[in-house]
């Protein structure tokens, strides 16, 4: 069995690190895509436009969006209250 030169070993290690880095990048991108899809669905179900979920990709805007979801009155809540009072369109 022939011993590898140090340059060949370093090249193999570099290729391995590059492949591992690419795989990690793909996993992170898939997780980010899944997260944005989930946020879009949450906004749609809450009564806002689904595209507000795309703001979760923007730094600082994602914090504002989170606070908006936490403290603002949701459109679906307004519709429900109006329906219970007998004014406005009924949801659904």
PDB file of N, CA and C in Angstrom:
ATOM      1  N   UNK A   1       0.838  -1.173   0.000  1.00  0.00           N
ATOM      2  CA  UNK A   1       0.000   0.000   0.000  1.00  0.00           C
ATOM      3  C   UNK A   1       0.886   1.240   0.000  1.00  0.00           C
ATOM      4  N   UNK A   2       0.529   2.165  -0.856  1.00  0.00           N
ATOM      5  CA  UNK A   2       1.350   3.353  -1.044  1.00  0.00           C
ATOM      6  C   UNK A   2       0.857   4.478  -0.134  1.00  0.00           C
ATOM      7  N   UNK A   3       1.759   5.181   0.537  1.00  0.00           N
ATOM      8  CA  UNK A   3       1.395   6.286   1.429  1.00  0.00           C
ATOM      9  C   UNK A   3       1.062   7.521   0.602  1.00  0.00           C
ATOM     10  N   UNK A   4       0.057   8.289   1.074  1.00  0.00           N
ATOM     11  CA  UNK A   4      -0.335   9.514   0.381  1.00  0.00           C
ATOM     12  C   UNK A   4       0.602  10.643   0.754  1.00  0.00           C
ATOM     13  N   UNK A   5       0.790  11.542  -0.175  1.00  0.00           N
ATOM     14  CA  UNK A   5       1.586  12.720   0.130  1.00  0.00           C
ATOM     15  C   UNK A   5       0.735  13.678   0.976  1.00  0.00           C
ATOM     16  N   UNK A   6       1.383  14.522   1.758  1.00  0.00           N
ATOM     17  CA  UNK A   6       0.616  15.466   2.583  1.00  0.00           C
ATOM     18  C   UNK A   6      -0.276  16.397   1.752  1.00  0.00           C
ATOM     19  N   UNK A   7       0.158  16.741   0.550  1.00  0.00           N
ATOM     20  CA  UNK A   7      -0.642  17.610  -0.303  1.00  0.00           C
ATOM     21  C   UNK A   7      -1.917  16.905  -0.744  1.00  0.00           C
ATOM     22  N   UNK A   8      -1.827  15.630  -1.076  1.00  0.00           N
ATOM     23  CA  UNK A   8      -3.001  14.871  -1.498  1.00  0.00           C
ATOM     24  C   UNK A   8      -3.979  14.703  -0.345  1.00  0.00           C
ATOM     25  N   UNK A   9      -3.455  14.469   0.858  1.00  0.00           N
ATOM     26  CA  UNK A   9      -4.314  14.327   2.030  1.00  0.00           C
ATOM     27  C   UNK A   9      -5.038  15.644   2.317  1.00  0.00           C
ATOM     28  N   UNK A  10      -4.344  16.756   2.212  1.00  0.00           N
ATOM     29  CA  UNK A  10      -4.960  18.063   2.455  1.00  0.00           C
ATOM     30  C   UNK A  10      -6.017  18.367   1.394  1.00  0.00           C
ATOM     31  N   UNK A  11      -5.758  17.976   0.146  1.00  0.00           N
ATOM     32  CA  UNK A  11      -6.729  18.181  -0.925  1.00  0.00           C
ATOM     33  C   UNK A  11      -7.998  17.382  -0.637  1.00  0.00           C
ATOM     34  N   UNK A  12      -7.845  16.137  -0.213  1.00  0.00           N
ATOM     35  CA  UNK A  12      -9.002  15.303   0.125  1.00  0.00           C
ATOM     36  C   UNK A  12      -9.794  15.885   1.274  1.00  0.00           C
ATOM     37  N   UNK A  13      -9.100  16.423   2.266  1.00  0.00           N
ATOM     38  CA  UNK A  13      -9.758  17.053   3.401  1.00  0.00           C
ATOM     39  C   UNK A  13     -10.501  18.312   2.969  1.00  0.00           C
ATOM     40  N   UNK A  14      -9.926  19.060   2.059  1.00  0.00           N
ATOM     41  CA  UNK A  14     -10.586  20.269   1.549  1.00  0.00           C
ATOM     42  C   UNK A  14     -11.845  19.940   0.773  1.00  0.00           C
ATOM     43  N   UNK A  15     -11.801  18.883  -0.027  1.00  0.00           N
ATOM     44  CA  UNK A  15     -12.981  18.461  -0.783  1.00  0.00           C
ATOM     45  C   UNK A  15     -14.080  18.023   0.188  1.00  0.00           C
ATOM     46  N   UNK A  16     -13.701  17.253   1.211  1.00  0.00           N
ATOM     47  CA  UNK A  16     -14.669  16.802   2.206  1.00  0.00           C
ATOM     48  C   UNK A  16     -15.315  17.992   2.919  1.00  0.00           C
ATOM     49  N   UNK A  17     -14.513  18.981   3.300  1.00  0.00           N
ATOM     50  CA  UNK A  17     -15.037  20.166   3.983  1.00  0.00           C
ATOM     51  C   UNK A  17     -15.974  20.948   3.060  1.00  0.00           C
ATOM     52  N   UNK A  18     -15.635  21.029   1.778  1.00  0.00           N
ATOM     53  CA  UNK A  18     -16.491  21.730   0.823  1.00  0.00           C
ATOM     54  C   UNK A  18     -17.831  21.033   0.647  1.00  0.00           C
ATOM     55  N   UNK A  19     -17.823  19.717   0.538  1.00  0.00           N
ATOM     56  CA  UNK A  19     -19.063  18.954   0.392  1.00  0.00           C
ATOM     57  C   UNK A  19     -19.906  19.074   1.656  1.00  0.00           C
ATOM     58  N   UNK A  20     -19.268  18.988   2.812  1.00  0.00           N
ATOM     59  CA  UNK A  20     -19.980  19.120   4.080  1.00  0.00           C
ATOM     60  C   UNK A  20     -20.583  20.513   4.227  1.00  0.00           C
ATOM     61  N   UNK A  21     -19.835  21.537   3.822  1.00  0.00           N
ATOM     62  CA  UNK A  21     -20.342  22.909   3.867  1.00  0.00           C
ATOM     63  C   UNK A  21     -21.531  23.117   2.945  1.00  0.00           C
ATOM     64  N   UNK A  22     -21.478  22.541   1.763  1.00  0.00           N
ATOM     65  CA  UNK A  22     -22.581  22.637   0.813  1.00  0.00           C
ATOM     66  C   UNK A  22     -23.823  21.933   1.350  1.00  0.00           C
ATOM     67  N   UNK A  23     -23.638  20.774   1.958  1.00  0.00           N
ATOM     68  CA  UNK A  23     -24.751  20.044   2.550  1.00  0.00           C
ATOM     69  C   UNK A  23     -25.386  20.848   3.689  1.00  0.00           C
ATOM     70  N   UNK A  24     -24.560  21.446   4.520  1.00  0.00           N
ATOM     71  CA  UNK A  24     -25.064  22.278   5.613  1.00  0.00           C
ATOM     72  C   UNK A  24     -25.840  23.477   5.072  1.00  0.00           C
ATOM     73  N   UNK A  25     -25.348  24.097   4.020  1.00  0.00           N
ATOM     74  CA  UNK A  25     -26.037  25.226   3.403  1.00  0.00           C
ATOM     75  C   UNK A  25     -27.413  24.815   2.880  1.00  0.00           C
ATOM     76  N   UNK A  26     -27.485  23.648   2.254  1.00  0.00           N
ATOM     77  CA  UNK A  26     -28.769  23.161   1.746  1.00  0.00           C
ATOM     78  C   UNK A  26     -29.767  22.897   2.878  1.00  0.00           C
ATOM     79  N   UNK A  27     -29.294  22.356   3.982  1.00  0.00           N
ATOM     80  CA  UNK A  27     -30.172  22.099   5.131  1.00  0.00           C
ATOM     81  C   UNK A  27     -30.684  23.416   5.713  1.00  0.00           C
ATOM     82  N   UNK A  28     -29.818  24.399   5.840  1.00  0.00           N
ATOM     83  CA  UNK A  28     -30.222  25.703   6.382  1.00  0.00           C
ATOM     84  C   UNK A  28     -31.232  26.378   5.452  1.00  0.00           C
ATOM     85  N   UNK A  29     -30.998  26.322   4.138  1.00  0.00           N
ATOM     86  CA  UNK A  29     -31.940  26.920   3.191  1.00  0.00           C
ATOM     87  C   UNK A  29     -33.289  26.213   3.223  1.00  0.00           C
ATOM     88  N   UNK A  30     -33.295  24.899   3.352  1.00  0.00           N
ATOM     89  CA  UNK A  30     -34.552  24.150   3.441  1.00  0.00           C
ATOM     90  C   UNK A  30     -35.308  24.518   4.711  1.00  0.00           C
ATOM     91  N   UNK A  31     -34.604  24.663   5.824  1.00  0.00           N
ATOM     92  CA  UNK A  31     -35.241  25.051   7.077  1.00  0.00           C
ATOM     93  C   UNK A  31     -35.813  26.463   6.986  1.00  0.00           C
ATOM     94  N   UNK A  32     -35.092  27.376   6.357  1.00  0.00           N
ATOM     95  CA  UNK A  32     -35.587  28.748   6.201  1.00  0.00           C
ATOM     96  C   UNK A  32     -36.821  28.776   5.307  1.00  0.00           C
ATOM     97  N   UNK A  33     -36.818  28.005   4.230  1.00  0.00           N
ATOM     98  CA  UNK A  33     -37.967  27.934   3.334  1.00  0.00           C
ATOM     99  C   UNK A  33     -39.191  27.382   4.070  1.00  0.00           C
ATOM    100  N   UNK A  34     -39.005  26.319   4.838  1.00  0.00           N
ATOM    101  CA  UNK A  34     -40.099  25.736   5.607  1.00  0.00           C
ATOM    102  C   UNK A  34     -40.640  26.734   6.629  1.00  0.00           C
ATOM    103  N   UNK A  35     -39.753  27.459   7.284  1.00  0.00           N
ATOM    104  CA  UNK A  35     -40.169  28.454   8.271  1.00  0.00           C
ATOM    105  C   UNK A  35     -41.004  29.562   7.631  1.00  0.00           C
ATOM    106  N   UNK A  36     -40.591  30.047   6.478  1.00  0.00           N
ATOM    107  CA  UNK A  36     -41.331  31.110   5.787  1.00  0.00           C
ATOM    108  C   UNK A  36     -42.711  30.601   5.361  1.00  0.00           C
ATOM    109  N   UNK A  37     -42.781  29.375   4.877  1.00  0.00           N
ATOM    110  CA  UNK A  37     -44.074  28.797   4.502  1.00  0.00           C
ATOM    111  C   UNK A  37     -44.994  28.744   5.718  1.00  0.00           C
ATOM    112  N   UNK A  38     -44.466  28.319   6.855  1.00  0.00           N
ATOM    113  CA  UNK A  38     -45.273  28.254   8.081  1.00  0.00           C
ATOM    114  C   UNK A  38     -45.762  29.637   8.492  1.00  0.00           C
ATOM    115  N   UNK A  39     -44.904  30.651   8.439  1.00  0.00           N
ATOM    116  CA  UNK A  39     -45.305  32.010   8.794  1.00  0.00           C
ATOM    117  C   UNK A  39     -46.384  32.520   7.842  1.00  0.00           C
ATOM    118  N   UNK A  40     -46.255  32.217   6.560  1.00  0.00           N
ATOM    119  CA  UNK A  40     -47.271  32.639   5.589  1.00  0.00           C
ATOM    120  C   UNK A  40     -48.626  32.008   5.913  1.00  0.00           C
ATOM    121  N   UNK A  41     -48.624  30.756   6.301  1.00  0.00           N
ATOM    122  CA  UNK A  41     -49.869  30.082   6.670  1.00  0.00           C
ATOM    123  C   UNK A  41     -50.474  30.677   7.942  1.00  0.00           C
ATOM    124  N   UNK A  42     -49.639  31.025   8.897  1.00  0.00           N
ATOM    125  CA  UNK A  42     -50.129  31.646  10.134  1.00  0.00           C
ATOM    126  C   UNK A  42     -50.800  32.977   9.822  1.00  0.00           C
ATOM    127  N   UNK A  43     -50.162  33.798   8.991  1.00  0.00           N
ATOM    128  CA  UNK A  43     -50.761  35.089   8.639  1.00  0.00           C
ATOM    129  C   UNK A  43     -52.080  34.905   7.899  1.00  0.00           C
ATOM    130  N   UNK A  44     -52.131  33.953   6.985  1.00  0.00           N
ATOM    131  CA  UNK A  44     -53.366  33.714   6.240  1.00  0.00           C
ATOM    132  C   UNK A  44     -54.497  33.281   7.184  1.00  0.00           C
ATOM    133  N   UNK A  45     -54.197  32.395   8.116  1.00  0.00           N
ATOM    134  CA  UNK A  45     -55.213  31.919   9.052  1.00  0.00           C
ATOM    135  C   UNK A  45     -55.638  32.996  10.038  1.00  0.00           C
ATOM    136  N   UNK A  46     -54.760  33.946  10.305  1.00  0.00           N
ATOM    137  CA  UNK A  46     -55.088  35.034  11.227  1.00  0.00           C
ATOM    138  C   UNK A  46     -55.920  36.114  10.554  1.00  0.00           C
ATOM    139  N   UNK A  47     -56.034  36.076   9.227  1.00  0.00           N
ATOM    140  CA  UNK A  47     -56.849  37.052   8.518  1.00  0.00           C
ATOM    141  C   UNK A  47     -56.074  38.138   7.813  1.00  0.00           C
ATOM    142  N   UNK A  48     -54.752  38.120   7.938  1.00  0.00           N
ATOM    143  CA  UNK A  48     -53.926  39.081   7.217  1.00  0.00           C
ATOM    144  C   UNK A  48     -53.500  38.479   5.892  1.00  0.00           C
ATOM    145  N   UNK A  49     -52.881  39.296   5.051  1.00  0.00           N
ATOM    146  CA  UNK A  49     -52.381  38.804   3.775  1.00  0.00           C
ATOM    147  C   UNK A  49     -51.216  37.854   4.042  1.00  0.00           C
ATOM    148  N   UNK A  50     -51.191  36.748   3.324  1.00  0.00           N
ATOM    149  CA  UNK A  50     -50.179  35.719   3.550  1.00  0.00           C
ATOM    150  C   UNK A  50     -48.766  36.223   3.303  1.00  0.00           C
ATOM    151  N   UNK A  51     -48.617  37.218   2.420  1.00  0.00           N
ATOM    152  CA  UNK A  51     -47.278  37.690   2.042  1.00  0.00           C
ATOM    153  C   UNK A  51     -46.557  38.376   3.199  1.00  0.00           C
ATOM    154  N   UNK A  52     -47.271  38.727   4.262  1.00  0.00           N
ATOM    155  CA  UNK A  52     -46.589  39.300   5.424  1.00  0.00           C
ATOM    156  C   UNK A  52     -45.601  38.302   6.025  1.00  0.00           C
ATOM    157  N   UNK A  53     -45.811  37.025   5.773  1.00  0.00           N
ATOM    158  CA  UNK A  53     -44.875  36.014   6.249  1.00  0.00           C
ATOM    159  C   UNK A  53     -43.502  36.144   5.616  1.00  0.00           C
ATOM    160  N   UNK A  54     -43.431  36.766   4.443  1.00  0.00           N
ATOM    161  CA  UNK A  54     -42.140  36.964   3.788  1.00  0.00           C
ATOM    162  C   UNK A  54     -41.273  37.970   4.547  1.00  0.00           C
ATOM    163  N   UNK A  55     -41.912  38.805   5.364  1.00  0.00           N
ATOM    164  CA  UNK A  55     -41.138  39.780   6.148  1.00  0.00           C
ATOM    165  C   UNK A  55     -40.269  39.112   7.207  1.00  0.00           C
ATOM    166  N   UNK A  56     -40.552  37.849   7.499  1.00  0.00           N
ATOM    167  CA  UNK A  56     -39.724  37.151   8.481  1.00  0.00           C
ATOM    168  C   UNK A  56     -38.308  36.917   7.966  1.00  0.00           C
ATOM    169  N   UNK A  57     -38.088  37.114   6.676  1.00  0.00           N
ATOM    170  CA  UNK A  57     -36.746  36.985   6.119  1.00  0.00           C
ATOM    171  C   UNK A  57     -35.906  38.243   6.329  1.00  0.00           C
ATOM    172  N   UNK A  58     -36.559  39.352   6.645  1.00  0.00           N
ATOM    173  CA  UNK A  58     -35.868  40.637   6.762  1.00  0.00           C
ATOM    174  C   UNK A  58     -35.493  40.880   8.223  1.00  0.00           C
ATOM    175  N   UNK A  59     -34.212  41.095   8.506  1.00  0.00           N
ATOM    176  CA  UNK A  59     -33.810  41.381   9.883  1.00  0.00           C
ATOM    177  C   UNK A  59     -34.533  42.623  10.420  1.00  0.00           C
ATOM    178  N   UNK A  60     -34.841  42.633  11.667  1.00  0.00           N
ATOM    179  CA  UNK A  60     -35.580  43.646  12.400  1.00  0.00           C
ATOM    180  C   UNK A  60     -37.071  43.586  12.045  1.00  0.00           C
ATOM    181  N   UNK A  61     -37.399  43.457  10.773  1.00  0.00           N
ATOM    182  CA  UNK A  61     -38.806  43.333  10.386  1.00  0.00           C
ATOM    183  C   UNK A  61     -39.411  42.068  10.980  1.00  0.00           C
ATOM    184  N   UNK A  62     -38.602  41.008  11.106  1.00  0.00           N
ATOM    185  CA  UNK A  62     -39.139  39.779  11.684  1.00  0.00           C
ATOM    186  C   UNK A  62     -39.527  39.982  13.152  1.00  0.00           C
ATOM    187  N   UNK A  63     -38.811  40.835  13.872  1.00  0.00           N
ATOM    188  CA  UNK A  63     -39.186  41.138  15.258  1.00  0.00           C
ATOM    189  C   UNK A  63     -40.468  41.962  15.309  1.00  0.00           C
ATOM    190  N   UNK A  64     -40.597  42.908  14.395  1.00  0.00           N
ATOM    191  CA  UNK A  64     -41.802  43.735  14.340  1.00  0.00           C
ATOM    192  C   UNK A  64     -43.017  42.882  13.990  1.00  0.00           C
ATOM    193  N   UNK A  65     -42.844  41.959  13.059  1.00  0.00           N
ATOM    194  CA  UNK A  65     -43.933  41.060  12.666  1.00  0.00           C
ATOM    195  C   UNK A  65     -44.350  40.197  13.852  1.00  0.00           C
ATOM    196  N   UNK A  66     -43.382  39.687  14.588  1.00  0.00           N
ATOM    197  CA  UNK A  66     -43.686  38.873  15.765  1.00  0.00           C
ATOM    198  C   UNK A  66     -44.465  39.676  16.799  1.00  0.00           C
ATOM    199  N   UNK A  67     -44.047  40.919  17.059  1.00  0.00           N
ATOM    200  CA  UNK A  67     -44.754  41.768  18.015  1.00  0.00           C
ATOM    201  C   UNK A  67     -46.143  42.129  17.508  1.00  0.00           C
ATOM    202  N   UNK A  68     -46.281  42.315  16.204  1.00  0.00           N
ATOM    203  CA  UNK A  68     -47.589  42.596  15.626  1.00  0.00           C
ATOM    204  C   UNK A  68     -48.534  41.419  15.852  1.00  0.00           C
ATOM    205  N   UNK A  69     -48.053  40.217  15.632  1.00  0.00           N
ATOM    206  CA  UNK A  69     -48.881  39.035  15.866  1.00  0.00           C
ATOM    207  C   UNK A  69     -49.242  38.881  17.340  1.00  0.00           C
ATOM    208  N   UNK A  70     -48.344  39.292  18.199  1.00  0.00           N
ATOM    209  CA  UNK A  70     -48.563  39.122  19.626  1.00  0.00           C
ATOM    210  C   UNK A  70     -49.553  40.133  20.186  1.00  0.00           C
ATOM    211  N   UNK A  71     -49.445  41.396  19.819  1.00  0.00           N
ATOM    212  CA  UNK A  71     -50.202  42.438  20.496  1.00  0.00           C
ATOM    213  C   UNK A  71     -51.337  43.059  19.685  1.00  0.00           C
ATOM    214  N   UNK A  72     -51.323  42.932  18.381  1.00  0.00           N
ATOM    215  CA  UNK A  72     -52.369  43.558  17.564  1.00  0.00           C
ATOM    216  C   UNK A  72     -53.639  42.714  17.575  1.00  0.00           C
ATOM    217  N   UNK A  73     -54.765  43.372  17.330  1.00  0.00           N
ATOM    218  CA  UNK A  73     -56.010  42.632  17.177  1.00  0.00           C
ATOM    219  C   UNK A  73     -56.030  42.030  15.775  1.00  0.00           C
ATOM    220  N   UNK A  74     -56.287  40.741  15.710  1.00  0.00           N
ATOM    221  CA  UNK A  74     -56.267  40.049  14.425  1.00  0.00           C
ATOM    222  C   UNK A  74     -57.549  40.355  13.660  1.00  0.00           C
ATOM    223  N   UNK A  75     -57.465  40.472  12.341  1.00  0.00           N
ATOM    224  CA  UNK A  75     -58.660  40.709  11.531  1.00  0.00           C
ATOM    225  C   UNK A  75     -59.741  39.647  11.760  1.00  0.00           C
ATOM    226  N   UNK A  76     -59.355  38.428  11.967  1.00  0.00           N
ATOM    227  CA  UNK A  76     -60.329  37.371  12.199  1.00  0.00           C
ATOM    228  C   UNK A  76     -61.063  37.598  13.518  1.00  0.00           C
ATOM    229  N   UNK A  77     -60.403  38.196  14.505  1.00  0.00           N
ATOM    230  CA  UNK A  77     -61.065  38.516  15.771  1.00  0.00           C
ATOM    231  C   UNK A  77     -62.094  39.627  15.579  1.00  0.00           C
ATOM    232  N   UNK A  78     -61.765  40.630  14.752  1.00  0.00           N
ATOM    233  CA  UNK A  78     -62.720  41.701  14.462  1.00  0.00           C
ATOM    234  C   UNK A  78     -63.961  41.147  13.769  1.00  0.00           C
ATOM    235  N   UNK A  79     -63.743  40.255  12.797  1.00  0.00           N
ATOM    236  CA  UNK A  79     -64.870  39.659  12.083  1.00  0.00           C
ATOM    237  C   UNK A  79     -65.738  38.831  13.021  1.00  0.00           C
ATOM    238  N   UNK A  80     -65.134  38.096  13.905  1.00  0.00           N
ATOM    239  CA  UNK A  80     -65.886  37.277  14.848  1.00  0.00           C
ATOM    240  C   UNK A  80     -66.699  38.156  15.792  1.00  0.00           C
ATOM    241  N   UNK A  81     -66.095  39.208  16.305  1.00  0.00           N
ATOM    242  CA  UNK A  81     -66.812  40.113  17.207  1.00  0.00           C
ATOM    243  C   UNK A  81     -67.974  40.782  16.479  1.00  0.00           C
ATOM    244  N   UNK A  82     -67.774  41.184  15.225  1.00  0.00           N
ATOM    245  CA  UNK A  82     -68.849  41.804  14.447  1.00  0.00           C
ATOM    246  C   UNK A  82     -69.974  40.802  14.202  1.00  0.00           C
ATOM    247  N   UNK A  83     -69.620  39.556  13.926  1.00  0.00           N
ATOM    248  CA  UNK A  83     -70.643  38.537  13.686  1.00  0.00           C
ATOM    249  C   UNK A  83     -71.428  38.242  14.959  1.00  0.00           C
ATOM    250  N   UNK A  84     -70.763  38.249  16.097  1.00  0.00           N
ATOM    251  CA  UNK A  84     -71.432  37.980  17.363  1.00  0.00           C
ATOM    252  C   UNK A  84     -72.376  39.117  17.750  1.00  0.00           C
ATOM    253  N   UNK A  85     -72.033  40.340  17.337  1.00  0.00           N
ATOM    254  CA  UNK A  85     -72.871  41.495  17.644  1.00  0.00           C
ATOM    255  C   UNK A  85     -73.989  41.667  16.605  1.00  0.00           C
ATOM    256  N   UNK A  86     -73.924  40.886  15.536  1.00  0.00           N
ATOM    257  CA  UNK A  86     -74.949  40.966  14.520  1.00  0.00           C
ATOM    258  C   UNK A  86     -74.710  42.027  13.466  1.00  0.00           C
ATOM    259  N   UNK A  87     -73.532  42.618  13.464  1.00  0.00           N
ATOM    260  CA  UNK A  87     -73.203  43.627  12.453  1.00  0.00           C
ATOM    261  C   UNK A  87     -72.116  43.081  11.563  1.00  0.00           C
ATOM    262  N   UNK A  88     -72.145  43.481  10.330  1.00  0.00           N
ATOM    263  CA  UNK A  88     -71.092  43.092   9.393  1.00  0.00           C
ATOM    264  C   UNK A  88     -71.281  41.683   8.867  1.00  0.00           C
ATOM    265  N   UNK A  89     -70.411  41.315   7.957  1.00  0.00           N
ATOM    266  CA  UNK A  89     -70.521  39.986   7.329  1.00  0.00           C
ATOM    267  C   UNK A  89     -70.128  38.888   8.309  1.00  0.00           C
ATOM    268  N   UNK A  90     -70.736  37.771   8.167  1.00  0.00           N
ATOM    269  CA  UNK A  90     -70.405  36.607   9.002  1.00  0.00           C
ATOM    270  C   UNK A  90     -69.193  35.906   8.406  1.00  0.00           C
ATOM    271  N   UNK A  91     -68.275  35.446   9.284  1.00  0.00           N
ATOM    272  CA  UNK A  91     -67.105  34.743   8.746  1.00  0.00           C
ATOM    273  C   UNK A  91     -67.497  33.408   8.127  1.00  0.00           C
ATOM    274  N   UNK A  92     -66.715  33.018   7.121  1.00  0.00           N
ATOM    275  CA  UNK A  92     -66.912  31.710   6.501  1.00  0.00           C
ATOM    276  C   UNK A  92     -67.860  31.789   5.423  1.00  0.00           C
TER     277      UNK A  92
END
